[in-house]
Amino acid sequence: MSGLFATFNVAKRGLFAQQKAIDVTTHNIANANTEGYSRQRAMMETTTPFSMPSVNNAIGPGQLGTGVQISIIQRVRDEFLDYQFRNESSTMGMYEARDRFLSEIESVFNEPSDKGLSTVIGKFFDSWQELSKQAETSNARTVVAQQANALANELNHTYNQLQKIRSNTQMVIKDTVFQVNNYLDQIDSLNQQIMNVKISGQEPNDLMDKRDLLVDKLSSEFNIDIKKKNFYTVDLNPTDVETIPEGGEKLLVRKEPNYAVSRFSYINGIEEIKNDEGKITALKVSYLKEGDSNKPGKEILINFNTPIEQGKAKEIKRHIDECRVMWAE
């Protein structure tokens, strides 16, 4: 019913709605430098008017409004841009990793330069050329020996430096595996929190920002596929699932709590088992669960029972050694 109190109520609702809109604006300003934060806006709508048409109400000149209210506090975010960003982030992450280690290899070889490996090799062969001209002189023979020693030292130094880069690369892979699994655990936890908040009838904007930030970081490590579910939840898996072993769980994050998901493990040891003929008959693989040094897993034995399999053993070992990442539930 209309009247003086109804007028006051309209004014009160308007003040409350505008105050909440100011609160949203204040929240936006306070988080202007917060990583991953998405701007929010208050969506307003009219409240239920007086004199809704019914058999008990006479038709008047029009419905009398009762004011305004905040219907929802909405994130301002473009999902298509998110999709594009994550695709390009995966590509950029791949080339950044290549650039990092290839730059280290480039610095080891130090080419072209006056002190690089090619210069030392050139001096070594030049010394032999001089020796061929005057083989009877001791000076020429001494120069050959010195250049041979310099070349051997340079080759050994280069080898040791490359071995250090290889070890550093494996440590980076181990740390990355641990970090990726940590991201996945956080995303999974946020997934459940978001669903609980949405079921209660509220908008989990800040929680969704945190989840999207983690997904953005995860996309720089490998290509991911995101499937949106109800209550703002997501299922997450790698884009390339064809290489996952048959029967293996393909999802890394899923909407349903307490269901099986997969994680990554780090292979920290590969041991050859040979027969009397010196052929590799098996590989003993040890690994760390989720890349955690405190969680060693059970050793895996890969058997090569036929001559054809034994012929491919070294290639398989090389592949495992280069990758060092294992898919595990």
C-alpha atoms as a PDB file:
ATOM      1  CA  MET A   1       0.000   0.000   0.000  1.00  0.00           C
ATOM      2  CA  SER A   2       1.153   3.531  -0.682  1.00  0.00           C
ATOM      3  CA  GLY A   3       1.537   6.327   1.819  1.00  0.00           C
ATOM      4  CA  LEU A   4       4.108   8.347   3.670  1.00  0.00           C
ATOM      5  CA  PHE A   5       5.858   5.281   5.094  1.00  0.00           C
ATOM      6  CA  ALA A   6       6.037   3.747   1.629  1.00  0.00           C
ATOM      7  CA  THR A   7       7.742   6.907   0.386  1.00  0.00           C
ATOM      8  CA  PHE A   8      10.250   6.703   3.205  1.00  0.00           C
ATOM      9  CA  ASN A   9      10.878   3.027   2.379  1.00  0.00           C
ATOM     10  CA  VAL A  10      11.551   3.885  -1.261  1.00  0.00           C
ATOM     11  CA  ALA A  11      14.072   6.501  -0.175  1.00  0.00           C
ATOM     12  CA  LYS A  12      15.649   4.075   2.306  1.00  0.00           C
ATOM     13  CA  ARG A  13      16.013   1.349  -0.308  1.00  0.00           C
ATOM     14  CA  GLY A  14      17.584   3.838  -2.691  1.00  0.00           C
ATOM     15  CA  LEU A  15      20.110   4.963  -0.092  1.00  0.00           C
ATOM     16  CA  PHE A  16      20.980   1.401   0.851  1.00  0.00           C
ATOM     17  CA  ALA A  17      21.372   0.363  -2.790  1.00  0.00           C
ATOM     18  CA  GLN A  18      23.601   3.324  -3.620  1.00  0.00           C
ATOM     19  CA  GLN A  19      25.636   2.736  -0.453  1.00  0.00           C
ATOM     20  CA  LYS A  20      26.250  -0.857  -1.515  1.00  0.00           C
ATOM     21  CA  ALA A  21      27.243   0.346  -4.997  1.00  0.00           C
ATOM     22  CA  ILE A  22      29.749   2.727  -3.348  1.00  0.00           C
ATOM     23  CA  ASP A  23      31.063  -0.210  -1.295  1.00  0.00           C
ATOM     24  CA  VAL A  24      31.647  -2.154  -4.530  1.00  0.00           C
ATOM     25  CA  THR A  25      33.472   0.826  -6.027  1.00  0.00           C
ATOM     26  CA  THR A  26      35.580   1.137  -2.874  1.00  0.00           C
ATOM     27  CA  HIS A  27      36.431  -2.566  -3.126  1.00  0.00           C
ATOM     28  CA  ASN A  28      37.538  -2.032  -6.731  1.00  0.00           C
ATOM     29  CA  ILE A  29      39.780   0.900  -5.804  1.00  0.00           C
ATOM     30  CA  ALA A  30      41.303  -0.967  -2.842  1.00  0.00           C
ATOM     31  CA  ASN A  31      42.243  -3.893  -5.121  1.00  0.00           C
ATOM     32  CA  ALA A  32      43.534  -1.817  -8.019  1.00  0.00           C
ATOM     33  CA  ASN A  33      47.009  -3.389  -7.605  1.00  0.00           C
ATOM     34  CA  THR A  34      45.863  -6.872  -6.553  1.00  0.00           C
ATOM     35  CA  GLU A  35      47.175  -9.526  -8.947  1.00  0.00           C
ATOM     36  CA  GLY A  36      44.352 -11.354 -10.709  1.00  0.00           C
ATOM     37  CA  TYR A  37      41.571  -9.077  -9.405  1.00  0.00           C
ATOM     38  CA  SER A  38      38.620  -8.459 -11.737  1.00  0.00           C
ATOM     39  CA  ARG A  39      36.606  -5.271 -11.491  1.00  0.00           C
ATOM     40  CA  GLN A  40      33.128  -5.742 -10.029  1.00  0.00           C
ATOM     41  CA  ARG A  41      29.895  -3.849 -10.599  1.00  0.00           C
ATOM     42  CA  ALA A  42      26.605  -3.699  -8.741  1.00  0.00           C
ATOM     43  CA  MET A  43      23.641  -4.585 -10.944  1.00  0.00           C
ATOM     44  CA  MET A  44      20.465  -2.814  -9.825  1.00  0.00           C
ATOM     45  CA  GLU A  45      16.829  -3.725 -10.420  1.00  0.00           C
ATOM     46  CA  THR A  46      13.467  -2.444  -9.288  1.00  0.00           C
ATOM     47  CA  THR A  47      11.826  -4.053  -6.293  1.00  0.00           C
ATOM     48  CA  THR A  48       8.367  -5.646  -6.419  1.00  0.00           C
ATOM     49  CA  PRO A  49       5.798  -2.871  -7.091  1.00  0.00           C
ATOM     50  CA  PHE A  50       2.482  -2.263  -5.347  1.00  0.00           C
ATOM     51  CA  SER A  51      -0.843  -3.243  -6.915  1.00  0.00           C
ATOM     52  CA  MET A  52       0.193  -6.304  -8.891  1.00  0.00           C
ATOM     53  CA  PRO A  53      -2.783  -7.118 -11.127  1.00  0.00           C
ATOM     54  CA  SER A  54      -5.054  -9.743  -9.590  1.00  0.00           C
ATOM     55  CA  VAL A  55      -8.732 -10.543  -9.098  1.00  0.00           C
ATOM     56  CA  ASN A  56      -8.656  -8.662  -5.797  1.00  0.00           C
ATOM     57  CA  ASN A  57      -7.002  -5.483  -7.054  1.00  0.00           C
ATOM     58  CA  ALA A  58      -8.655  -2.855  -9.139  1.00  0.00           C
ATOM     59  CA  ILE A  59      -6.852  -1.788 -12.276  1.00  0.00           C
ATOM     60  CA  GLY A  60      -5.255   1.600 -11.686  1.00  0.00           C
ATOM     61  CA  PRO A  61      -3.265   4.009 -13.819  1.00  0.00           C
ATOM     62  CA  GLY A  62      -0.156   1.918 -13.322  1.00  0.00           C
ATOM     63  CA  GLN A  63       1.878  -0.084 -10.827  1.00  0.00           C
ATOM     64  CA  LEU A  64       3.382   1.962  -8.038  1.00  0.00           C
ATOM     65  CA  GLY A  65       7.100   1.283  -7.678  1.00  0.00           C
ATOM     66  CA  THR A  66       8.689   0.480  -4.335  1.00  0.00           C
ATOM     67  CA  GLY A  67      12.292   1.418  -5.059  1.00  0.00           C
ATOM     68  CA  VAL A  68      15.525  -0.231  -6.093  1.00  0.00           C
ATOM     69  CA  GLN A  69      17.752  -3.076  -4.911  1.00  0.00           C
ATOM     70  CA  ILE A  70      21.068  -4.705  -5.802  1.00  0.00           C
ATOM     71  CA  SER A  71      20.252  -7.885  -7.722  1.00  0.00           C
ATOM     72  CA  ILE A  72      23.834  -9.161  -8.093  1.00  0.00           C
ATOM     73  CA  ILE A  73      27.438  -8.047  -7.718  1.00  0.00           C
ATOM     74  CA  GLN A  74      28.973  -9.130 -10.993  1.00  0.00           C
ATOM     75  CA  ARG A  75      32.571  -9.599 -12.165  1.00  0.00           C
ATOM     76  CA  VAL A  76      33.535  -7.669 -15.284  1.00  0.00           C
ATOM     77  CA  ARG A  77      35.496 -10.357 -17.136  1.00  0.00           C
ATOM     78  CA  ASP A  78      35.629 -11.554 -20.730  1.00  0.00           C
ATOM     79  CA  GLU A  79      35.827 -15.357 -20.941  1.00  0.00           C
ATOM     80  CA  PHE A  80      36.873 -15.261 -24.584  1.00  0.00           C
ATOM     81  CA  LEU A  81      39.886 -13.088 -23.722  1.00  0.00           C
ATOM     82  CA  ASP A  82      40.731 -15.529 -20.923  1.00  0.00           C
ATOM     83  CA  TYR A  83      40.704 -18.359 -23.462  1.00  0.00           C
ATOM     84  CA  GLN A  84      42.949 -16.470 -25.876  1.00  0.00           C
ATOM     85  CA  PHE A  85      45.347 -15.408 -23.119  1.00  0.00           C
ATOM     86  CA  ARG A  86      45.770 -18.961 -21.818  1.00  0.00           C
ATOM     87  CA  ASN A  87      46.440 -20.357 -25.272  1.00  0.00           C
ATOM     88  CA  GLU A  88      49.123 -17.765 -25.950  1.00  0.00           C
ATOM     89  CA  SER A  89      50.506 -18.093 -22.419  1.00  0.00           C
ATOM     90  CA  SER A  90      51.169 -21.799 -23.046  1.00  0.00           C
ATOM     91  CA  THR A  91      53.067 -20.971 -26.230  1.00  0.00           C
ATOM     92  CA  MET A  92      55.038 -18.190 -24.546  1.00  0.00           C
ATOM     93  CA  GLY A  93      55.920 -20.432 -21.589  1.00  0.00           C
ATOM     94  CA  MET A  94      57.303 -23.085 -23.946  1.00  0.00           C
ATOM     95  CA  TYR A  95      59.540 -20.640 -25.818  1.00  0.00           C
ATOM     96  CA  GLU A  96      60.664 -18.878 -22.633  1.00  0.00           C
ATOM     97  CA  ALA A  97      61.838 -22.229 -21.232  1.00  0.00           C
ATOM     98  CA  ARG A  98      63.699 -22.988 -24.466  1.00  0.00           C
ATOM     99  CA  ASP A  99      65.255 -19.535 -24.549  1.00  0.00           C
ATOM    100  CA  ARG A 100      66.449 -19.837 -20.950  1.00  0.00           C
ATOM    101  CA  PHE A 101      68.383 -23.064 -21.383  1.00  0.00           C
ATOM    102  CA  LEU A 102      69.521 -22.480 -24.944  1.00  0.00           C
ATOM    103  CA  SER A 103      70.982 -19.155 -23.803  1.00  0.00           C
ATOM    104  CA  GLU A 104      72.945 -21.006 -21.123  1.00  0.00           C
ATOM    105  CA  ILE A 105      74.215 -23.503 -23.713  1.00  0.00           C
ATOM    106  CA  GLU A 106      75.161 -20.619 -25.998  1.00  0.00           C
ATOM    107  CA  SER A 107      77.222 -19.023 -23.223  1.00  0.00           C
ATOM    108  CA  VAL A 108      79.042 -22.337 -22.645  1.00  0.00           C
ATOM    109  CA  PHE A 109      80.177 -22.637 -26.259  1.00  0.00           C
ATOM    110  CA  ASN A 110      80.901 -18.892 -26.393  1.00  0.00           C
ATOM    111  CA  GLU A 111      80.809 -18.749 -30.180  1.00  0.00           C
ATOM    112  CA  PRO A 112      81.907 -16.905 -32.172  1.00  0.00           C
ATOM    113  CA  SER A 113      84.832 -15.593 -30.115  1.00  0.00           C
ATOM    114  CA  ASP A 114      88.617 -15.670 -29.872  1.00  0.00           C
ATOM    115  CA  LYS A 115      88.477 -18.064 -26.923  1.00  0.00           C
ATOM    116  CA  GLY A 116      85.744 -20.429 -28.044  1.00  0.00           C
ATOM    117  CA  LEU A 117      85.957 -24.116 -28.789  1.00  0.00           C
ATOM    118  CA  SER A 118      86.240 -23.591 -32.542  1.00  0.00           C
ATOM    119  CA  THR A 119      89.290 -21.353 -32.032  1.00  0.00           C
ATOM    120  CA  VAL A 120      90.996 -23.989 -29.864  1.00  0.00           C
ATOM    121  CA  ILE A 121      90.254 -26.684 -32.462  1.00  0.00           C
ATOM    122  CA  GLY A 122      91.619 -24.419 -35.186  1.00  0.00           C
ATOM    123  CA  LYS A 123      94.859 -23.838 -33.269  1.00  0.00           C
ATOM    124  CA  PHE A 124      95.190 -27.579 -32.664  1.00  0.00           C
ATOM    125  CA  PHE A 125      95.030 -28.407 -36.369  1.00  0.00           C
ATOM    126  CA  ASP A 126      97.267 -25.437 -37.228  1.00  0.00           C
ATOM    127  CA  SER A 127      99.925 -26.866 -34.918  1.00  0.00           C
ATOM    128  CA  TRP A 128      99.781 -30.183 -36.806  1.00  0.00           C
ATOM    129  CA  GLN A 129     100.114 -28.304 -40.065  1.00  0.00           C
ATOM    130  CA  GLU A 130     103.262 -26.617 -38.788  1.00  0.00           C
ATOM    131  CA  LEU A 131     104.592 -29.948 -37.508  1.00  0.00           C
ATOM    132  CA  SER A 132     104.156 -31.482 -40.972  1.00  0.00           C
ATOM    133  CA  LYS A 133     106.437 -28.787 -42.346  1.00  0.00           C
ATOM    134  CA  GLN A 134     109.192 -29.284 -39.780  1.00  0.00           C
ATOM    135  CA  ALA A 135     108.675 -32.637 -38.092  1.00  0.00           C
ATOM    136  CA  GLU A 136     112.272 -32.853 -36.898  1.00  0.00           C
ATOM    137  CA  THR A 137     112.085 -29.779 -34.620  1.00  0.00           C
ATOM    138  CA  SER A 138     111.231 -30.200 -30.957  1.00  0.00           C
ATOM    139  CA  ASN A 139     109.475 -26.822 -30.791  1.00  0.00           C
ATOM    140  CA  ALA A 140     106.809 -27.915 -33.303  1.00  0.00           C
ATOM    141  CA  ARG A 141     106.213 -31.128 -31.376  1.00  0.00           C
ATOM    142  CA  THR A 142     105.938 -29.183 -28.110  1.00  0.00           C
ATOM    143  CA  VAL A 143     103.365 -26.818 -29.640  1.00  0.00           C
ATOM    144  CA  VAL A 144     101.281 -29.797 -30.823  1.00  0.00           C
ATOM    145  CA  ALA A 145     101.337 -31.297 -27.325  1.00  0.00           C
ATOM    146  CA  GLN A 146     100.351 -27.967 -25.760  1.00  0.00           C
ATOM    147  CA  GLN A 147      97.511 -27.394 -28.203  1.00  0.00           C
ATOM    148  CA  ALA A 148      96.307 -30.972 -27.708  1.00  0.00           C
ATOM    149  CA  ASN A 149      96.297 -30.406 -23.948  1.00  0.00           C
ATOM    150  CA  ALA A 150      94.445 -27.092 -24.379  1.00  0.00           C
ATOM    151  CA  LEU A 151      91.848 -28.762 -26.609  1.00  0.00           C
ATOM    152  CA  ALA A 152      91.346 -31.627 -24.136  1.00  0.00           C
ATOM    153  CA  ASN A 153      90.918 -29.155 -21.267  1.00  0.00           C
ATOM    154  CA  GLU A 154      88.447 -27.089 -23.250  1.00  0.00           C
ATOM    155  CA  LEU A 155      86.420 -30.169 -24.249  1.00  0.00           C
ATOM    156  CA  ASN A 156      86.343 -31.394 -20.642  1.00  0.00           C
ATOM    157  CA  HIS A 157      85.321 -27.941 -19.412  1.00  0.00           C
ATOM    158  CA  THR A 158      82.542 -27.730 -22.000  1.00  0.00           C
ATOM    159  CA  TYR A 159      81.312 -31.206 -21.100  1.00  0.00           C
ATOM    160  CA  ASN A 160      81.245 -30.390 -17.382  1.00  0.00           C
ATOM    161  CA  GLN A 161      79.371 -27.153 -18.021  1.00  0.00           C
ATOM    162  CA  LEU A 162      76.787 -28.954 -20.164  1.00  0.00           C
ATOM    163  CA  GLN A 163      76.385 -31.581 -17.446  1.00  0.00           C
ATOM    164  CA  LYS A 164      75.711 -28.803 -14.921  1.00  0.00           C
ATOM    165  CA  ILE A 165      73.061 -27.332 -17.214  1.00  0.00           C
ATOM    166  CA  ARG A 166      71.516 -30.795 -17.534  1.00  0.00           C
ATOM    167  CA  SER A 167      71.403 -31.197 -13.745  1.00  0.00           C
ATOM    168  CA  ASN A 168      69.962 -27.702 -13.320  1.00  0.00           C
ATOM    169  CA  THR A 169      67.317 -28.493 -15.924  1.00  0.00           C
ATOM    170  CA  GLN A 170      66.269 -31.594 -14.006  1.00  0.00           C
ATOM    171  CA  MET A 171      66.025 -29.568 -10.788  1.00  0.00           C
ATOM    172  CA  VAL A 172      63.857 -27.003 -12.586  1.00  0.00           C
ATOM    173  CA  ILE A 173      61.599 -29.820 -13.833  1.00  0.00           C
ATOM    174  CA  LYS A 174      61.334 -31.202 -10.288  1.00  0.00           C
ATOM    175  CA  ASP A 175      60.455 -27.792  -8.844  1.00  0.00           C
ATOM    176  CA  THR A 176      57.969 -27.168 -11.650  1.00  0.00           C
ATOM    177  CA  VAL A 177      56.250 -30.528 -11.015  1.00  0.00           C
ATOM    178  CA  PHE A 178      55.920 -29.651  -7.326  1.00  0.00           C
ATOM    179  CA  GLN A 179      54.602 -26.167  -8.152  1.00  0.00           C
ATOM    180  CA  VAL A 180      52.099 -27.418 -10.745  1.00  0.00           C
ATOM    181  CA  ASN A 181      50.679 -29.965  -8.304  1.00  0.00           C
ATOM    182  CA  ASN A 182      50.404 -27.203  -5.699  1.00  0.00           C
ATOM    183  CA  TYR A 183      48.450 -25.066  -8.190  1.00  0.00           C
ATOM    184  CA  LEU A 184      46.145 -28.004  -8.935  1.00  0.00           C
ATOM    185  CA  ASP A 185      45.453 -28.622  -5.242  1.00  0.00           C
ATOM    186  CA  GLN A 186      44.618 -24.949  -4.705  1.00  0.00           C
ATOM    187  CA  ILE A 187      42.353 -24.858  -7.766  1.00  0.00           C
ATOM    188  CA  ASP A 188      40.578 -27.979  -6.568  1.00  0.00           C
ATOM    189  CA  SER A 189      40.011 -26.449  -3.104  1.00  0.00           C
ATOM    190  CA  LEU A 190      38.754 -23.169  -4.596  1.00  0.00           C
ATOM    191  CA  ASN A 191      36.479 -25.142  -6.925  1.00  0.00           C
ATOM    192  CA  GLN A 192      34.668 -26.646  -3.921  1.00  0.00           C
ATOM    193  CA  GLN A 193      34.502 -23.330  -2.066  1.00  0.00           C
ATOM    194  CA  ILE A 194      33.028 -21.601  -5.113  1.00  0.00           C
ATOM    195  CA  MET A 195      30.373 -24.283  -5.474  1.00  0.00           C
ATOM    196  CA  ASN A 196      29.393 -24.012  -1.795  1.00  0.00           C
ATOM    197  CA  VAL A 197      29.099 -20.222  -1.977  1.00  0.00           C
ATOM    198  CA  LYS A 198      27.048 -20.361  -5.199  1.00  0.00           C
ATOM    199  CA  ILE A 199      24.713 -23.015  -3.770  1.00  0.00           C
ATOM    200  CA  SER A 200      24.057 -20.676  -0.833  1.00  0.00           C
ATOM    201  CA  GLY A 201      22.826 -18.044  -3.312  1.00  0.00           C
ATOM    202  CA  GLN A 202      25.814 -15.679  -3.263  1.00  0.00           C
ATOM    203  CA  GLU A 203      28.383 -14.664  -5.876  1.00  0.00           C
ATOM    204  CA  PRO A 204      31.927 -15.976  -5.162  1.00  0.00           C
ATOM    205  CA  ASN A 205      33.641 -13.219  -7.173  1.00  0.00           C
ATOM    206  CA  ASP A 206      36.891 -12.980  -5.212  1.00  0.00           C
ATOM    207  CA  LEU A 207      37.240 -16.770  -5.026  1.00  0.00           C
ATOM    208  CA  MET A 208      36.770 -17.009  -8.784  1.00  0.00           C
ATOM    209  CA  ASP A 209      39.469 -14.368  -9.272  1.00  0.00           C
ATOM    210  CA  LYS A 210      41.887 -16.453  -7.207  1.00  0.00           C
ATOM    211  CA  ARG A 211      41.049 -19.565  -9.206  1.00  0.00           C
ATOM    212  CA  ASP A 212      41.426 -17.784 -12.541  1.00  0.00           C
ATOM    213  CA  LEU A 213      44.810 -16.413 -11.473  1.00  0.00           C
ATOM    214  CA  LEU A 214      46.026 -19.925 -10.661  1.00  0.00           C
ATOM    215  CA  VAL A 215      44.663 -21.231 -13.970  1.00  0.00           C
ATOM    216  CA  ASP A 216      46.496 -18.433 -15.783  1.00  0.00           C
ATOM    217  CA  LYS A 217      49.756 -19.411 -14.063  1.00  0.00           C
ATOM    218  CA  LEU A 218      49.111 -23.078 -14.799  1.00  0.00           C
ATOM    219  CA  SER A 219      48.559 -22.339 -18.494  1.00  0.00           C
ATOM    220  CA  SER A 220      52.144 -21.074 -18.781  1.00  0.00           C
ATOM    221  CA  GLU A 221      53.395 -24.571 -17.844  1.00  0.00           C
ATOM    222  CA  PHE A 222      51.333 -26.665 -20.286  1.00  0.00           C
ATOM    223  CA  ASN A 223      48.241 -26.531 -22.480  1.00  0.00           C
ATOM    224  CA  ILE A 224      45.064 -26.977 -20.461  1.00  0.00           C
ATOM    225  CA  ASP A 225      41.455 -27.657 -21.369  1.00  0.00           C
ATOM    226  CA  ILE A 226      38.757 -26.170 -19.123  1.00  0.00           C
ATOM    227  CA  LYS A 227      35.196 -27.475 -19.099  1.00  0.00           C
ATOM    228  CA  LYS A 228      32.707 -25.267 -17.248  1.00  0.00           C
ATOM    229  CA  LYS A 229      30.193 -26.990 -14.968  1.00  0.00           C
ATOM    230  CA  ASN A 230      27.207 -25.743 -12.992  1.00  0.00           C
ATOM    231  CA  PHE A 231      27.616 -23.623  -9.860  1.00  0.00           C
ATOM    232  CA  TYR A 232      30.639 -21.941 -11.506  1.00  0.00           C
ATOM    233  CA  THR A 233      32.786 -25.054 -11.099  1.00  0.00           C
ATOM    234  CA  VAL A 234      35.233 -26.381 -13.709  1.00  0.00           C
ATOM    235  CA  ASP A 235      36.791 -29.651 -14.804  1.00  0.00           C
ATOM    236  CA  LEU A 236      40.404 -29.308 -15.903  1.00  0.00           C
ATOM    237  CA  ASN A 237      42.630 -31.609 -17.926  1.00  0.00           C
ATOM    238  CA  PRO A 238      45.602 -31.318 -20.337  1.00  0.00           C
ATOM    239  CA  THR A 239      44.760 -30.580 -23.957  1.00  0.00           C
ATOM    240  CA  ASP A 240      46.772 -33.591 -25.132  1.00  0.00           C
ATOM    241  CA  VAL A 241      45.220 -36.614 -23.405  1.00  0.00           C
ATOM    242  CA  GLU A 242      46.042 -39.150 -26.120  1.00  0.00           C
ATOM    243  CA  THR A 243      49.396 -40.000 -24.515  1.00  0.00           C
ATOM    244  CA  ILE A 244      47.814 -40.750 -21.137  1.00  0.00           C
ATOM    245  CA  PRO A 245      47.963 -44.513 -20.406  1.00  0.00           C
ATOM    246  CA  GLU A 246      44.763 -46.413 -21.084  1.00  0.00           C
ATOM    247  CA  GLY A 247      42.566 -46.494 -18.007  1.00  0.00           C
ATOM    248  CA  GLY A 248      44.348 -43.531 -16.439  1.00  0.00           C
ATOM    249  CA  GLU A 249      42.283 -40.701 -14.999  1.00  0.00           C
ATOM    250  CA  LYS A 250      42.448 -37.764 -17.411  1.00  0.00           C
ATOM    251  CA  LEU A 251      41.082 -35.056 -15.098  1.00  0.00           C
ATOM    252  CA  LEU A 252      43.399 -32.969 -12.937  1.00  0.00           C
ATOM    253  CA  VAL A 253      40.582 -31.000 -11.288  1.00  0.00           C
ATOM    254  CA  ARG A 254      36.945 -31.990 -11.178  1.00  0.00           C
ATOM    255  CA  LYS A 255      33.688 -30.668  -9.827  1.00  0.00           C
ATOM    256  CA  GLU A 256      32.804 -33.765  -7.804  1.00  0.00           C
ATOM    257  CA  PRO A 257      34.694 -33.858  -4.490  1.00  0.00           C
ATOM    258  CA  ASN A 258      36.424 -37.035  -3.327  1.00  0.00           C
ATOM    259  CA  TYR A 259      36.583 -38.447  -6.876  1.00  0.00           C
ATOM    260  CA  ALA A 260      39.811 -39.632  -8.465  1.00  0.00           C
ATOM    261  CA  VAL A 261      42.041 -37.034 -10.115  1.00  0.00           C
ATOM    262  CA  SER A 262      45.570 -37.287 -11.491  1.00  0.00           C
ATOM    263  CA  ARG A 263      48.773 -35.536 -10.527  1.00  0.00           C
ATOM    264  CA  PHE A 264      52.343 -35.374 -11.852  1.00  0.00           C
ATOM    265  CA  SER A 265      55.333 -37.156 -10.327  1.00  0.00           C
ATOM    266  CA  TYR A 266      59.045 -36.583 -10.856  1.00  0.00           C
ATOM    267  CA  ILE A 267      61.345 -39.420 -11.963  1.00  0.00           C
ATOM    268  CA  ASN A 268      64.537 -39.095  -9.930  1.00  0.00           C
ATOM    269  CA  GLY A 269      66.323 -42.333 -10.843  1.00  0.00           C
ATOM    270  CA  ILE A 270      66.690 -44.753 -13.772  1.00  0.00           C
ATOM    271  CA  GLU A 271      68.723 -47.945 -13.328  1.00  0.00           C
ATOM    272  CA  GLU A 272      69.601 -50.417 -16.091  1.00  0.00           C
ATOM    273  CA  ILE A 273      69.305 -54.161 -15.457  1.00  0.00           C
ATOM    274  CA  LYS A 274      71.385 -56.196 -17.927  1.00  0.00           C
ATOM    275  CA  ASN A 275      71.729 -59.892 -18.723  1.00  0.00           C
ATOM    276  CA  ASP A 276      74.952 -61.857 -19.169  1.00  0.00           C
ATOM    277  CA  GLU A 277      75.210 -60.656 -22.753  1.00  0.00           C
ATOM    278  CA  GLY A 278      75.138 -57.022 -21.660  1.00  0.00           C
ATOM    279  CA  LYS A 279      71.687 -56.325 -23.111  1.00  0.00           C
ATOM    280  CA  ILE A 280      69.206 -54.247 -21.138  1.00  0.00           C
ATOM    281  CA  THR A 281      66.383 -56.521 -19.941  1.00  0.00           C
ATOM    282  CA  ALA A 282      64.648 -54.034 -17.622  1.00  0.00           C
ATOM    283  CA  LEU A 283      64.683 -50.492 -16.306  1.00  0.00           C
ATOM    284  CA  LYS A 284      64.135 -49.781 -12.628  1.00  0.00           C
ATOM    285  CA  VAL A 285      62.479 -46.361 -12.303  1.00  0.00           C
ATOM    286  CA  SER A 286      62.198 -44.524  -8.991  1.00  0.00           C
ATOM    287  CA  TYR A 287      60.091 -41.399  -8.561  1.00  0.00           C
ATOM    288  CA  LEU A 288      58.896 -38.745  -6.127  1.00  0.00           C
ATOM    289  CA  LYS A 289      55.155 -38.364  -5.711  1.00  0.00           C
ATOM    290  CA  GLU A 290      54.029 -34.907  -6.842  1.00  0.00           C
ATOM    291  CA  GLY A 291      57.691 -33.889  -7.031  1.00  0.00           C
ATOM    292  CA  ASP A 292      57.920 -33.866  -3.229  1.00  0.00           C
ATOM    293  CA  SER A 293      61.282 -35.072  -1.890  1.00  0.00           C
ATOM    294  CA  ASN A 294      59.508 -36.362   1.218  1.00  0.00           C
ATOM    295  CA  LYS A 295      57.198 -38.648  -0.780  1.00  0.00           C
ATOM    296  CA  PRO A 296      59.249 -41.337  -2.576  1.00  0.00           C
ATOM    297  CA  GLY A 297      57.051 -43.702  -4.568  1.00  0.00           C
ATOM    298  CA  LYS A 298      57.426 -47.423  -5.151  1.00  0.00           C
ATOM    299  CA  GLU A 299      59.967 -48.418  -7.784  1.00  0.00           C
ATOM    300  CA  ILE A 300      58.582 -49.322 -11.202  1.00  0.00           C
ATOM    301  CA  LEU A 301      60.125 -52.140 -13.228  1.00  0.00           C
ATOM    302  CA  ILE A 302      59.881 -51.878 -17.019  1.00  0.00           C
ATOM    303  CA  ASN A 303      60.711 -55.274 -18.533  1.00  0.00           C
ATOM    304  CA  PHE A 304      62.002 -55.904 -22.083  1.00  0.00           C
ATOM    305  CA  ASN A 305      61.251 -59.543 -22.815  1.00  0.00           C
ATOM    306  CA  THR A 306      61.977 -59.792 -26.545  1.00  0.00           C
ATOM    307  CA  PRO A 307      65.061 -58.900 -28.627  1.00  0.00           C
ATOM    308  CA  ILE A 308      63.027 -56.177 -30.394  1.00  0.00           C
ATOM    309  CA  GLU A 309      62.082 -54.607 -27.061  1.00  0.00           C
ATOM    310  CA  GLN A 310      65.667 -54.870 -25.827  1.00  0.00           C
ATOM    311  CA  GLY A 311      66.811 -53.081 -28.960  1.00  0.00           C
ATOM    312  CA  LYS A 312      64.583 -50.145 -28.081  1.00  0.00           C
ATOM    313  CA  ALA A 313      65.557 -50.095 -24.397  1.00  0.00           C
ATOM    314  CA  LYS A 314      68.178 -47.362 -24.727  1.00  0.00           C
ATOM    315  CA  GLU A 315      65.812 -45.166 -26.703  1.00  0.00           C
ATOM    316  CA  ILE A 316      63.096 -45.619 -24.061  1.00  0.00           C
ATOM    317  CA  LYS A 317      65.583 -44.844 -21.300  1.00  0.00           C
ATOM    318  CA  ARG A 318      66.719 -41.712 -23.111  1.00  0.00           C
ATOM    319  CA  HIS A 319      63.105 -40.553 -23.489  1.00  0.00           C
ATOM    320  CA  ILE A 320      62.371 -41.110 -19.788  1.00  0.00           C
ATOM    321  CA  ASP A 321      65.610 -39.400 -18.804  1.00  0.00           C
ATOM    322  CA  GLU A 322      64.835 -36.347 -20.926  1.00  0.00           C
ATOM    323  CA  CYS A 323      61.214 -36.028 -19.793  1.00  0.00           C
ATOM    324  CA  ARG A 324      61.485 -36.908 -16.065  1.00  0.00           C
ATOM    325  CA  VAL A 325      57.729 -36.360 -15.587  1.00  0.00           C
ATOM    326  CA  MET A 326      55.309 -39.197 -14.874  1.00  0.00           C
ATOM    327  CA  TRP A 327      51.511 -39.162 -14.987  1.00  0.00           C
ATOM    328  CA  ALA A 328      50.114 -40.701 -11.799  1.00  0.00           C
ATOM    329  CA  GLU A 329      46.826 -40.873  -9.926  1.00  0.00           C
END
